[in-house]
Structure formats: structure tokens, C-alpha cells
Amino acid sequence: MYNKKAFTIQQQIAQLKARGLEIKDDDNSERFLSLISVIID
């Protein structure tokens, strides 16, 4: 199917910041992304 490995949550946050998203609270963002990954999986 796919050959790419999934990004870690920290990598996802870094990528979003690099793309210009302003994230003020990394810890809260990390919790939010964790919840989304559980729902999608």
C-alpha cells in the first residue's frame, strides 16, 4: 500500500509550524492530535 512511515506527533507539529500554522501550546496540540489519531485509526 504505502511505503511512507507515519510522522510522530512531534513531527506533525513541527511540519504544521513550518507551513505557517501558529501553535501557541505544543502540549495541548499534542493531546489534540493524539485524540484525532485514535478516532481515525
C-alpha atoms as a PDB file:
ATOM      1  CA  MET A   1       0.000   0.000   0.000  1.00  0.00           C
ATOM      2  CA  TYR A   2       2.026   2.982   1.285  1.00  0.00           C
ATOM      3  CA  ASN A   3       5.795   2.997   1.753  1.00  0.00           C
ATOM      4  CA  LYS A   4       5.936   6.134   3.899  1.00  0.00           C
ATOM      5  CA  LYS A   5       6.150   5.840   7.668  1.00  0.00           C
ATOM      6  CA  ALA A   6       3.731   7.859   9.756  1.00  0.00           C
ATOM      7  CA  PHE A   7       5.013  11.048  11.356  1.00  0.00           C
ATOM      8  CA  THR A   8       5.251  11.199  15.119  1.00  0.00           C
ATOM      9  CA  ILE A   9       3.026  13.764  16.774  1.00  0.00           C
ATOM     10  CA  GLN A  10       6.059  15.971  17.428  1.00  0.00           C
ATOM     11  CA  GLN A  11       6.978  15.755  13.731  1.00  0.00           C
ATOM     12  CA  GLN A  12       3.417  16.651  12.763  1.00  0.00           C
ATOM     13  CA  ILE A  13       3.506  19.740  14.987  1.00  0.00           C
ATOM     14  CA  ALA A  14       6.882  20.777  13.546  1.00  0.00           C
ATOM     15  CA  GLN A  15       5.577  20.359   9.998  1.00  0.00           C
ATOM     16  CA  LEU A  16       2.449  22.388  10.722  1.00  0.00           C
ATOM     17  CA  LYS A  17       4.586  25.175  12.210  1.00  0.00           C
ATOM     18  CA  ALA A  18       6.929  25.069   9.205  1.00  0.00           C
ATOM     19  CA  ARG A  19       3.897  25.511   6.960  1.00  0.00           C
ATOM     20  CA  GLY A  20       2.928  28.663   8.842  1.00  0.00           C
ATOM     21  CA  LEU A  21       0.415  27.456  11.413  1.00  0.00           C
ATOM     22  CA  GLU A  22       0.734  29.390  14.660  1.00  0.00           C
ATOM     23  CA  ILE A  23       0.707  26.943  17.565  1.00  0.00           C
ATOM     24  CA  LYS A  24       0.862  28.588  20.960  1.00  0.00           C
ATOM     25  CA  ASP A  25       0.614  25.496  23.162  1.00  0.00           C
ATOM     26  CA  ASP A  26       2.540  22.452  21.948  1.00  0.00           C
ATOM     27  CA  ASP A  27       1.322  20.266  24.823  1.00  0.00           C
ATOM     28  CA  ASN A  28      -2.332  20.981  24.082  1.00  0.00           C
ATOM     29  CA  SER A  29      -1.723  20.442  20.366  1.00  0.00           C
ATOM     30  CA  GLU A  30      -0.055  17.130  21.123  1.00  0.00           C
ATOM     31  CA  ARG A  31      -3.069  15.941  23.139  1.00  0.00           C
ATOM     32  CA  PHE A  32      -5.446  17.057  20.398  1.00  0.00           C
ATOM     33  CA  LEU A  33      -3.504  15.239  17.665  1.00  0.00           C
ATOM     34  CA  SER A  34      -3.356  12.134  19.861  1.00  0.00           C
ATOM     35  CA  LEU A  35      -7.132  12.123  20.148  1.00  0.00           C
ATOM     36  CA  ILE A  36      -7.574  12.547  16.398  1.00  0.00           C
ATOM     37  CA  SER A  37      -5.215   9.670  15.632  1.00  0.00           C
ATOM     38  CA  VAL A  38      -7.201   7.366  17.931  1.00  0.00           C
ATOM     39  CA  ILE A  39     -10.504   8.326  16.308  1.00  0.00           C
ATOM     40  CA  ILE A  40      -9.180   7.874  12.753  1.00  0.00           C
ATOM     41  CA  ASP A  41      -7.348   4.618  13.459  1.00  0.00           C
END
